[in-house]
């Protein structure tokens, strides 16, 4: 899609379409499609996981653990955040000196823009990860943390990103592991919870917060583990967010290291490596 920036938005020279910029976000889709829960979630918890707001390095530490990259290595690089949410990892990369382009299909991108669009090295777009408005070989680095497994097809979403990677560029993703079916449980509950009104589910997830304390009691640990994600964060708001994040999405696929490594090989990426947490994998496009 050959795009040109206008004063009021973007235009495509090939198809003559125009795309507006509203509230600091370039809009390439007209709706949130199947990810409305994330728009609701991240506009509700707009700053909970933002390092600059909570005074921690949790998001920075998580970024380095799940991508296998040192953030300092991104300085001056053009980076794509594929599924930026409210901007927690985009902020980390921007702080390191990268030129960051954050995309999200949901209205979560509006929270990211409110949080971070005052920074000159950050841009945000509401767009479909399967059909992004960027030229081939546009980015030095691409990452997607906890997002691709919430699309209609994780593999297809991953492969749609790889064309955007420059020769010599690197890519890293983290998706849910098949082990989560045992660790988190709650699969039966998820047959119901994504269909509930978001406000109702949010309230129910808040009521579940005290149950996390029951996990400290051995006799209750197995019972609570069936219904709750393993959020060990001491912050009640963070646990509330994690619980809603687990039960609200329409799609939530799980994968193995071997499966994801095959995708990297299929995309022609080299030096494919596993990260320390399941399932994180990274690779590089040959120069």
C-alpha atoms as a PDB file:
ATOM      1  CA  UNK A   1       0.000   0.000   0.000  1.00  0.00           C
ATOM      2  CA  UNK A   2       1.897   3.141  -1.226  1.00  0.00           C
ATOM      3  CA  UNK A   3       0.959   5.752   1.365  1.00  0.00           C
ATOM      4  CA  UNK A   4       1.514   9.485   1.489  1.00  0.00           C
ATOM      5  CA  UNK A   5       0.993  11.634   4.540  1.00  0.00           C
ATOM      6  CA  UNK A   6      -1.432  14.560   4.277  1.00  0.00           C
ATOM      7  CA  UNK A   7      -2.221  17.338   6.748  1.00  0.00           C
ATOM      8  CA  UNK A   8      -5.427  15.526   7.770  1.00  0.00           C
ATOM      9  CA  UNK A   9      -4.352  11.892   7.417  1.00  0.00           C
ATOM     10  CA  UNK A  10      -2.933   9.467   4.851  1.00  0.00           C
ATOM     11  CA  UNK A  11      -3.737   8.704   1.215  1.00  0.00           C
ATOM     12  CA  UNK A  12      -3.028   5.717  -1.015  1.00  0.00           C
ATOM     13  CA  UNK A  13      -1.726   6.718  -4.431  1.00  0.00           C
ATOM     14  CA  UNK A  14      -2.674   3.351  -5.924  1.00  0.00           C
ATOM     15  CA  UNK A  15      -6.332   3.154  -4.877  1.00  0.00           C
ATOM     16  CA  UNK A  16      -7.066   6.842  -4.114  1.00  0.00           C
ATOM     17  CA  UNK A  17      -8.345   5.903  -0.639  1.00  0.00           C
ATOM     18  CA  UNK A  18      -7.817   8.279   2.266  1.00  0.00           C
ATOM     19  CA  UNK A  19      -7.351   7.402   5.921  1.00  0.00           C
ATOM     20  CA  UNK A  20      -7.997   9.919   8.699  1.00  0.00           C
ATOM     21  CA  UNK A  21      -5.960  10.704  11.794  1.00  0.00           C
ATOM     22  CA  UNK A  22      -8.154  11.195  14.850  1.00  0.00           C
ATOM     23  CA  UNK A  23      -7.095  11.559  18.484  1.00  0.00           C
ATOM     24  CA  UNK A  24      -3.491  11.107  17.425  1.00  0.00           C
ATOM     25  CA  UNK A  25      -4.131   7.768  15.692  1.00  0.00           C
ATOM     26  CA  UNK A  26      -4.021   7.001  11.954  1.00  0.00           C
ATOM     27  CA  UNK A  27      -7.117   4.893  11.181  1.00  0.00           C
ATOM     28  CA  UNK A  28      -6.859   2.124   8.593  1.00  0.00           C
ATOM     29  CA  UNK A  29      -9.884   0.142   9.815  1.00  0.00           C
ATOM     30  CA  UNK A  30     -13.432   1.255  10.550  1.00  0.00           C
ATOM     31  CA  UNK A  31     -14.106  -0.992  13.548  1.00  0.00           C
ATOM     32  CA  UNK A  32     -12.463  -3.096  16.263  1.00  0.00           C
ATOM     33  CA  UNK A  33     -13.880  -6.243  14.649  1.00  0.00           C
ATOM     34  CA  UNK A  34     -13.363  -9.142  17.129  1.00  0.00           C
ATOM     35  CA  UNK A  35     -11.058  -7.392  19.645  1.00  0.00           C
ATOM     36  CA  UNK A  36     -13.418  -4.990  21.400  1.00  0.00           C
ATOM     37  CA  UNK A  37     -12.551  -6.497  24.780  1.00  0.00           C
ATOM     38  CA  UNK A  38      -9.001  -5.181  24.440  1.00  0.00           C
ATOM     39  CA  UNK A  39     -10.181  -1.678  23.627  1.00  0.00           C
ATOM     40  CA  UNK A  40     -12.342  -1.788  26.743  1.00  0.00           C
ATOM     41  CA  UNK A  41      -9.550  -3.317  28.817  1.00  0.00           C
ATOM     42  CA  UNK A  42      -6.752  -0.943  27.934  1.00  0.00           C
ATOM     43  CA  UNK A  43      -8.871   2.183  28.089  1.00  0.00           C
ATOM     44  CA  UNK A  44      -9.921   1.054  31.585  1.00  0.00           C
ATOM     45  CA  UNK A  45      -6.386   0.154  32.715  1.00  0.00           C
ATOM     46  CA  UNK A  46      -4.646   2.760  30.578  1.00  0.00           C
ATOM     47  CA  UNK A  47      -1.617   3.282  32.803  1.00  0.00           C
ATOM     48  CA  UNK A  48      -1.498   0.221  35.071  1.00  0.00           C
ATOM     49  CA  UNK A  49       1.425  -1.408  33.231  1.00  0.00           C
ATOM     50  CA  UNK A  50       3.176   1.750  32.055  1.00  0.00           C
ATOM     51  CA  UNK A  51       6.620   1.968  33.691  1.00  0.00           C
ATOM     52  CA  UNK A  52       6.604   5.758  33.681  1.00  0.00           C
ATOM     53  CA  UNK A  53       3.288   5.758  35.549  1.00  0.00           C
ATOM     54  CA  UNK A  54       3.933   3.046  38.145  1.00  0.00           C
ATOM     55  CA  UNK A  55       7.577   3.871  38.835  1.00  0.00           C
ATOM     56  CA  UNK A  56       8.891   0.367  38.097  1.00  0.00           C
ATOM     57  CA  UNK A  57      10.803  -1.421  35.324  1.00  0.00           C
ATOM     58  CA  UNK A  58       8.325  -4.307  35.065  1.00  0.00           C
ATOM     59  CA  UNK A  59       7.457  -3.715  31.426  1.00  0.00           C
ATOM     60  CA  UNK A  60      11.098  -3.176  30.484  1.00  0.00           C
ATOM     61  CA  UNK A  61      12.082  -6.387  32.271  1.00  0.00           C
ATOM     62  CA  UNK A  62       9.228  -8.306  30.651  1.00  0.00           C
ATOM     63  CA  UNK A  63      10.193  -6.965  27.222  1.00  0.00           C
ATOM     64  CA  UNK A  64      13.787  -8.148  27.552  1.00  0.00           C
ATOM     65  CA  UNK A  65      12.747 -11.534  28.924  1.00  0.00           C
ATOM     66  CA  UNK A  66      10.145 -12.294  26.263  1.00  0.00           C
ATOM     67  CA  UNK A  67      11.974 -10.897  23.218  1.00  0.00           C
ATOM     68  CA  UNK A  68      15.490 -11.966  24.198  1.00  0.00           C
ATOM     69  CA  UNK A  69      16.696  -8.490  23.197  1.00  0.00           C
ATOM     70  CA  UNK A  70      18.483  -5.863  25.242  1.00  0.00           C
ATOM     71  CA  UNK A  71      16.472  -2.674  24.833  1.00  0.00           C
ATOM     72  CA  UNK A  72      19.651  -0.656  24.392  1.00  0.00           C
ATOM     73  CA  UNK A  73      20.311  -2.582  21.161  1.00  0.00           C
ATOM     74  CA  UNK A  74      17.240  -0.939  19.574  1.00  0.00           C
ATOM     75  CA  UNK A  75      18.663   2.579  19.625  1.00  0.00           C
ATOM     76  CA  UNK A  76      18.108   4.367  16.244  1.00  0.00           C
ATOM     77  CA  UNK A  77      16.281   1.325  14.787  1.00  0.00           C
ATOM     78  CA  UNK A  78      12.865   1.504  13.126  1.00  0.00           C
ATOM     79  CA  UNK A  79      10.716  -0.823  15.223  1.00  0.00           C
ATOM     80  CA  UNK A  80       7.200  -2.223  14.787  1.00  0.00           C
ATOM     81  CA  UNK A  81       5.143  -2.999  17.898  1.00  0.00           C
ATOM     82  CA  UNK A  82       2.582  -5.446  16.501  1.00  0.00           C
ATOM     83  CA  UNK A  83      -0.277  -5.139  18.975  1.00  0.00           C
ATOM     84  CA  UNK A  84       0.755  -2.203  21.140  1.00  0.00           C
ATOM     85  CA  UNK A  85      -2.230  -2.086  23.509  1.00  0.00           C
ATOM     86  CA  UNK A  86      -1.870   0.964  25.733  1.00  0.00           C
ATOM     87  CA  UNK A  87       1.804   1.335  24.821  1.00  0.00           C
ATOM     88  CA  UNK A  88       3.722  -0.322  27.648  1.00  0.00           C
ATOM     89  CA  UNK A  89       6.395  -1.871  25.401  1.00  0.00           C
ATOM     90  CA  UNK A  90       6.333   0.968  22.871  1.00  0.00           C
ATOM     91  CA  UNK A  91       7.371   3.269  25.711  1.00  0.00           C
ATOM     92  CA  UNK A  92      10.234   0.950  26.635  1.00  0.00           C
ATOM     93  CA  UNK A  93      11.575   0.938  23.076  1.00  0.00           C
ATOM     94  CA  UNK A  94      11.100   4.676  22.620  1.00  0.00           C
ATOM     95  CA  UNK A  95      12.993   5.320  25.851  1.00  0.00           C
ATOM     96  CA  UNK A  96      15.844   3.268  24.389  1.00  0.00           C
ATOM     97  CA  UNK A  97      16.007   5.610  21.366  1.00  0.00           C
ATOM     98  CA  UNK A  98      14.119   3.564  18.773  1.00  0.00           C
ATOM     99  CA  UNK A  99      11.692   4.996  16.211  1.00  0.00           C
ATOM    100  CA  UNK A 100       8.571   3.073  17.222  1.00  0.00           C
ATOM    101  CA  UNK A 101       5.437   2.433  15.187  1.00  0.00           C
ATOM    102  CA  UNK A 102       2.647   0.908  17.280  1.00  0.00           C
ATOM    103  CA  UNK A 103      -0.354  -0.762  15.693  1.00  0.00           C
ATOM    104  CA  UNK A 104      -3.459  -2.243  17.258  1.00  0.00           C
ATOM    105  CA  UNK A 105      -6.786  -3.344  15.836  1.00  0.00           C
ATOM    106  CA  UNK A 106      -8.618  -2.261  18.974  1.00  0.00           C
ATOM    107  CA  UNK A 107      -9.301   1.177  20.396  1.00  0.00           C
ATOM    108  CA  UNK A 108      -6.563   0.419  22.919  1.00  0.00           C
ATOM    109  CA  UNK A 109      -4.372   2.370  20.529  1.00  0.00           C
ATOM    110  CA  UNK A 110      -6.221   5.510  21.663  1.00  0.00           C
ATOM    111  CA  UNK A 111      -4.948   4.931  25.209  1.00  0.00           C
ATOM    112  CA  UNK A 112      -1.442   4.494  23.797  1.00  0.00           C
ATOM    113  CA  UNK A 113      -1.721   7.791  21.930  1.00  0.00           C
ATOM    114  CA  UNK A 114      -2.964   9.607  25.038  1.00  0.00           C
ATOM    115  CA  UNK A 115      -0.096   8.159  27.037  1.00  0.00           C
ATOM    116  CA  UNK A 116       2.732   8.617  24.576  1.00  0.00           C
ATOM    117  CA  UNK A 117       1.991  10.557  21.370  1.00  0.00           C
ATOM    118  CA  UNK A 118       3.738  13.646  22.765  1.00  0.00           C
ATOM    119  CA  UNK A 119       7.003  11.808  22.076  1.00  0.00           C
ATOM    120  CA  UNK A 120       8.485  12.527  18.669  1.00  0.00           C
ATOM    121  CA  UNK A 121       9.775   8.986  18.103  1.00  0.00           C
ATOM    122  CA  UNK A 122       6.377   7.284  18.508  1.00  0.00           C
ATOM    123  CA  UNK A 123       3.522   6.879  15.993  1.00  0.00           C
ATOM    124  CA  UNK A 124       0.272   4.952  16.405  1.00  0.00           C
ATOM    125  CA  UNK A 125      -2.078   3.305  13.925  1.00  0.00           C
ATOM    126  CA  UNK A 126      -5.363   1.440  14.239  1.00  0.00           C
ATOM    127  CA  UNK A 127      -4.913  -1.312  11.685  1.00  0.00           C
ATOM    128  CA  UNK A 128      -5.395  -5.011  11.031  1.00  0.00           C
ATOM    129  CA  UNK A 129      -2.270  -7.044  11.724  1.00  0.00           C
ATOM    130  CA  UNK A 130      -3.152  -9.259   8.747  1.00  0.00           C
ATOM    131  CA  UNK A 131      -3.062  -6.274   6.355  1.00  0.00           C
ATOM    132  CA  UNK A 132      -0.767  -3.568   7.669  1.00  0.00           C
ATOM    133  CA  UNK A 133      -0.289  -0.291   5.748  1.00  0.00           C
ATOM    134  CA  UNK A 134       3.494  -0.518   5.459  1.00  0.00           C
ATOM    135  CA  UNK A 135       5.805  -1.284   2.559  1.00  0.00           C
ATOM    136  CA  UNK A 136       7.761  -4.523   2.455  1.00  0.00           C
ATOM    137  CA  UNK A 137      11.113  -4.474   4.294  1.00  0.00           C
ATOM    138  CA  UNK A 138      10.166  -1.394   6.323  1.00  0.00           C
ATOM    139  CA  UNK A 139      11.431  -2.324   9.790  1.00  0.00           C
ATOM    140  CA  UNK A 140      14.726  -3.199  11.449  1.00  0.00           C
ATOM    141  CA  UNK A 141      12.960  -5.035  14.262  1.00  0.00           C
ATOM    142  CA  UNK A 142       9.446  -6.396  14.822  1.00  0.00           C
ATOM    143  CA  UNK A 143       8.046  -7.762  18.064  1.00  0.00           C
ATOM    144  CA  UNK A 144       4.664  -9.004  19.195  1.00  0.00           C
ATOM    145  CA  UNK A 145       4.190  -9.892  22.850  1.00  0.00           C
ATOM    146  CA  UNK A 146       0.993 -11.640  23.893  1.00  0.00           C
ATOM    147  CA  UNK A 147      -1.010 -10.591  20.830  1.00  0.00           C
ATOM    148  CA  UNK A 148      -0.858 -13.017  17.899  1.00  0.00           C
ATOM    149  CA  UNK A 149      -2.665 -15.788  19.788  1.00  0.00           C
ATOM    150  CA  UNK A 150      -5.675 -13.461  20.069  1.00  0.00           C
ATOM    151  CA  UNK A 151      -6.092 -13.179  16.282  1.00  0.00           C
ATOM    152  CA  UNK A 152      -8.239 -15.483  14.169  1.00  0.00           C
ATOM    153  CA  UNK A 153      -5.125 -17.425  13.079  1.00  0.00           C
ATOM    154  CA  UNK A 154      -1.808 -17.087  14.953  1.00  0.00           C
ATOM    155  CA  UNK A 155       0.360 -18.525  12.183  1.00  0.00           C
ATOM    156  CA  UNK A 156      -1.250 -16.368   9.487  1.00  0.00           C
ATOM    157  CA  UNK A 157      -0.814 -13.258  11.633  1.00  0.00           C
ATOM    158  CA  UNK A 158       2.864 -14.064  12.181  1.00  0.00           C
ATOM    159  CA  UNK A 159       3.547 -14.671   8.494  1.00  0.00           C
ATOM    160  CA  UNK A 160       1.804 -11.431   7.542  1.00  0.00           C
ATOM    161  CA  UNK A 161       4.400  -9.546   9.585  1.00  0.00           C
ATOM    162  CA  UNK A 162       7.528 -11.149   8.185  1.00  0.00           C
ATOM    163  CA  UNK A 163       7.328  -9.347   4.812  1.00  0.00           C
ATOM    164  CA  UNK A 164       7.862  -6.089   6.698  1.00  0.00           C
ATOM    165  CA  UNK A 165      11.273  -7.119   8.030  1.00  0.00           C
ATOM    166  CA  UNK A 166      14.382  -5.673   6.391  1.00  0.00           C
ATOM    167  CA  UNK A 167      17.283  -7.928   5.391  1.00  0.00           C
ATOM    168  CA  UNK A 168      19.335  -8.366   8.545  1.00  0.00           C
ATOM    169  CA  UNK A 169      16.315  -7.394  10.632  1.00  0.00           C
ATOM    170  CA  UNK A 170      15.137  -9.340  13.667  1.00  0.00           C
ATOM    171  CA  UNK A 171      11.790 -10.532  14.884  1.00  0.00           C
ATOM    172  CA  UNK A 172      10.588 -11.852  18.214  1.00  0.00           C
ATOM    173  CA  UNK A 173       7.193 -13.079  19.402  1.00  0.00           C
ATOM    174  CA  UNK A 174       5.681 -14.460  22.577  1.00  0.00           C
ATOM    175  CA  UNK A 175       2.464 -16.475  22.484  1.00  0.00           C
ATOM    176  CA  UNK A 176       0.575 -18.623  24.962  1.00  0.00           C
ATOM    177  CA  UNK A 177       1.898 -22.118  25.534  1.00  0.00           C
ATOM    178  CA  UNK A 178      -0.154 -25.307  25.371  1.00  0.00           C
ATOM    179  CA  UNK A 179       1.031 -25.745  28.971  1.00  0.00           C
ATOM    180  CA  UNK A 180      -1.326 -22.906  29.900  1.00  0.00           C
ATOM    181  CA  UNK A 181      -4.260 -25.260  29.504  1.00  0.00           C
ATOM    182  CA  UNK A 182      -3.035 -27.079  32.603  1.00  0.00           C
ATOM    183  CA  UNK A 183      -1.474 -24.181  34.485  1.00  0.00           C
ATOM    184  CA  UNK A 184      -4.296 -21.729  34.143  1.00  0.00           C
ATOM    185  CA  UNK A 185      -7.272 -23.944  33.595  1.00  0.00           C
ATOM    186  CA  UNK A 186     -10.509 -22.070  33.194  1.00  0.00           C
ATOM    187  CA  UNK A 187     -11.057 -23.381  29.658  1.00  0.00           C
ATOM    188  CA  UNK A 188     -14.596 -24.353  30.538  1.00  0.00           C
ATOM    189  CA  UNK A 189     -15.302 -20.919  32.000  1.00  0.00           C
ATOM    190  CA  UNK A 190     -13.983 -19.334  28.813  1.00  0.00           C
ATOM    191  CA  UNK A 191     -16.812 -20.962  26.894  1.00  0.00           C
ATOM    192  CA  UNK A 192     -19.016 -18.410  28.647  1.00  0.00           C
ATOM    193  CA  UNK A 193     -16.969 -15.414  29.746  1.00  0.00           C
ATOM    194  CA  UNK A 194     -16.146 -13.809  26.342  1.00  0.00           C
ATOM    195  CA  UNK A 195     -19.898 -13.584  25.700  1.00  0.00           C
ATOM    196  CA  UNK A 196     -20.671 -11.683  28.895  1.00  0.00           C
ATOM    197  CA  UNK A 197     -21.122  -7.894  28.883  1.00  0.00           C
ATOM    198  CA  UNK A 198     -17.667  -6.422  29.401  1.00  0.00           C
ATOM    199  CA  UNK A 199     -18.712  -4.341  32.410  1.00  0.00           C
ATOM    200  CA  UNK A 200     -20.220  -7.416  34.092  1.00  0.00           C
ATOM    201  CA  UNK A 201     -17.119  -9.518  33.482  1.00  0.00           C
ATOM    202  CA  UNK A 202     -14.872  -6.721  34.735  1.00  0.00           C
ATOM    203  CA  UNK A 203     -16.801  -6.595  38.026  1.00  0.00           C
ATOM    204  CA  UNK A 204     -16.670 -10.379  38.373  1.00  0.00           C
ATOM    205  CA  UNK A 205     -12.910 -10.358  37.838  1.00  0.00           C
ATOM    206  CA  UNK A 206     -12.506  -7.771  40.566  1.00  0.00           C
ATOM    207  CA  UNK A 207     -14.452  -9.968  42.981  1.00  0.00           C
ATOM    208  CA  UNK A 208     -12.005 -12.782  42.216  1.00  0.00           C
ATOM    209  CA  UNK A 209      -8.961 -10.869  43.492  1.00  0.00           C
ATOM    210  CA  UNK A 210      -9.160 -12.230  47.082  1.00  0.00           C
ATOM    211  CA  UNK A 211      -9.058 -15.767  45.685  1.00  0.00           C
ATOM    212  CA  UNK A 212      -5.421 -15.236  44.760  1.00  0.00           C
ATOM    213  CA  UNK A 213      -4.570 -15.203  48.456  1.00  0.00           C
ATOM    214  CA  UNK A 214      -6.131 -18.655  48.745  1.00  0.00           C
ATOM    215  CA  UNK A 215      -3.358 -19.971  46.479  1.00  0.00           C
ATOM    216  CA  UNK A 216      -1.012 -19.626  49.442  1.00  0.00           C
ATOM    217  CA  UNK A 217      -2.993 -22.319  51.265  1.00  0.00           C
ATOM    218  CA  UNK A 218      -1.918 -25.766  49.950  1.00  0.00           C
ATOM    219  CA  UNK A 219      -5.341 -27.383  50.211  1.00  0.00           C
ATOM    220  CA  UNK A 220      -6.923 -24.564  48.179  1.00  0.00           C
ATOM    221  CA  UNK A 221      -4.136 -24.050  45.651  1.00  0.00           C
ATOM    222  CA  UNK A 222      -5.337 -26.647  43.145  1.00  0.00           C
ATOM    223  CA  UNK A 223      -8.928 -25.444  43.322  1.00  0.00           C
ATOM    224  CA  UNK A 224      -8.099 -21.788  42.707  1.00  0.00           C
ATOM    225  CA  UNK A 225      -5.574 -22.628  39.998  1.00  0.00           C
ATOM    226  CA  UNK A 226      -8.386 -24.129  37.943  1.00  0.00           C
ATOM    227  CA  UNK A 227     -10.158 -20.799  37.664  1.00  0.00           C
ATOM    228  CA  UNK A 228      -7.447 -18.132  37.913  1.00  0.00           C
ATOM    229  CA  UNK A 229      -4.496 -17.105  35.752  1.00  0.00           C
ATOM    230  CA  UNK A 230      -1.209 -17.296  37.639  1.00  0.00           C
ATOM    231  CA  UNK A 231      -0.737 -13.617  38.358  1.00  0.00           C
ATOM    232  CA  UNK A 232       1.809 -13.331  41.132  1.00  0.00           C
ATOM    233  CA  UNK A 233       1.968  -9.561  41.016  1.00  0.00           C
ATOM    234  CA  UNK A 234       1.289  -8.091  44.446  1.00  0.00           C
ATOM    235  CA  UNK A 235      -0.631  -5.184  42.926  1.00  0.00           C
ATOM    236  CA  UNK A 236      -4.388  -5.947  43.145  1.00  0.00           C
ATOM    237  CA  UNK A 237      -5.104  -3.805  40.083  1.00  0.00           C
ATOM    238  CA  UNK A 238      -2.586  -5.799  38.052  1.00  0.00           C
ATOM    239  CA  UNK A 239      -4.202  -9.082  39.166  1.00  0.00           C
ATOM    240  CA  UNK A 240      -7.625  -7.705  38.280  1.00  0.00           C
ATOM    241  CA  UNK A 241      -6.334  -6.739  34.844  1.00  0.00           C
ATOM    242  CA  UNK A 242      -4.687 -10.139  34.289  1.00  0.00           C
ATOM    243  CA  UNK A 243      -7.891 -11.969  35.165  1.00  0.00           C
ATOM    244  CA  UNK A 244      -9.981  -9.879  32.769  1.00  0.00           C
ATOM    245  CA  UNK A 245      -7.289 -10.269  30.107  1.00  0.00           C
ATOM    246  CA  UNK A 246      -7.544 -14.047  30.425  1.00  0.00           C
ATOM    247  CA  UNK A 247     -11.322 -14.399  30.359  1.00  0.00           C
ATOM    248  CA  UNK A 248     -12.466 -11.657  27.964  1.00  0.00           C
ATOM    249  CA  UNK A 249     -10.848 -12.295  24.524  1.00  0.00           C
ATOM    250  CA  UNK A 250     -12.825 -14.028  21.815  1.00  0.00           C
ATOM    251  CA  UNK A 251      -9.785 -15.943  20.533  1.00  0.00           C
ATOM    252  CA  UNK A 252      -7.044 -17.426  22.694  1.00  0.00           C
ATOM    253  CA  UNK A 253      -4.915 -20.030  20.932  1.00  0.00           C
ATOM    254  CA  UNK A 254      -2.064 -21.991  22.551  1.00  0.00           C
ATOM    255  CA  UNK A 255       1.107 -23.237  20.861  1.00  0.00           C
ATOM    256  CA  UNK A 256       4.332 -25.189  21.333  1.00  0.00           C
ATOM    257  CA  UNK A 257       7.934 -24.122  20.794  1.00  0.00           C
ATOM    258  CA  UNK A 258       8.251 -26.609  17.933  1.00  0.00           C
ATOM    259  CA  UNK A 259       5.176 -25.228  16.174  1.00  0.00           C
ATOM    260  CA  UNK A 260       6.327 -21.613  16.388  1.00  0.00           C
ATOM    261  CA  UNK A 261       9.868 -22.488  15.313  1.00  0.00           C
ATOM    262  CA  UNK A 262       8.409 -24.036  12.148  1.00  0.00           C
ATOM    263  CA  UNK A 263       6.705 -20.717  11.352  1.00  0.00           C
ATOM    264  CA  UNK A 264      10.041 -18.897  11.576  1.00  0.00           C
ATOM    265  CA  UNK A 265      11.634 -21.456   9.266  1.00  0.00           C
ATOM    266  CA  UNK A 266       8.682 -21.254   6.868  1.00  0.00           C
ATOM    267  CA  UNK A 267       9.130 -17.467   6.721  1.00  0.00           C
ATOM    268  CA  UNK A 268      12.802 -17.892   5.782  1.00  0.00           C
ATOM    269  CA  UNK A 269      14.174 -16.507   9.046  1.00  0.00           C
ATOM    270  CA  UNK A 270      17.539 -17.699  10.320  1.00  0.00           C
ATOM    271  CA  UNK A 271      19.231 -18.068  13.691  1.00  0.00           C
ATOM    272  CA  UNK A 272      15.925 -19.155  15.236  1.00  0.00           C
ATOM    273  CA  UNK A 273      16.178 -19.318  19.014  1.00  0.00           C
ATOM    274  CA  UNK A 274      13.933 -20.074  21.944  1.00  0.00           C
ATOM    275  CA  UNK A 275      13.576 -17.633  24.783  1.00  0.00           C
ATOM    276  CA  UNK A 276      13.576 -18.553  28.480  1.00  0.00           C
ATOM    277  CA  UNK A 277       9.782 -18.378  28.794  1.00  0.00           C
ATOM    278  CA  UNK A 278       7.202 -20.393  26.893  1.00  0.00           C
ATOM    279  CA  UNK A 279       6.540 -19.722  24.122  1.00  0.00           C
ATOM    280  CA  UNK A 280       9.015 -17.032  23.098  1.00  0.00           C
ATOM    281  CA  UNK A 281      10.943 -17.391  19.826  1.00  0.00           C
ATOM    282  CA  UNK A 282      13.154 -15.005  17.880  1.00  0.00           C
ATOM    283  CA  UNK A 283      14.927 -15.036  14.537  1.00  0.00           C
ATOM    284  CA  UNK A 284      16.688 -12.920  11.918  1.00  0.00           C
ATOM    285  CA  UNK A 285      16.174 -12.323   8.202  1.00  0.00           C
ATOM    286  CA  UNK A 286      19.303 -13.015   6.178  1.00  0.00           C
ATOM    287  CA  UNK A 287      21.106  -9.855   5.097  1.00  0.00           C
END
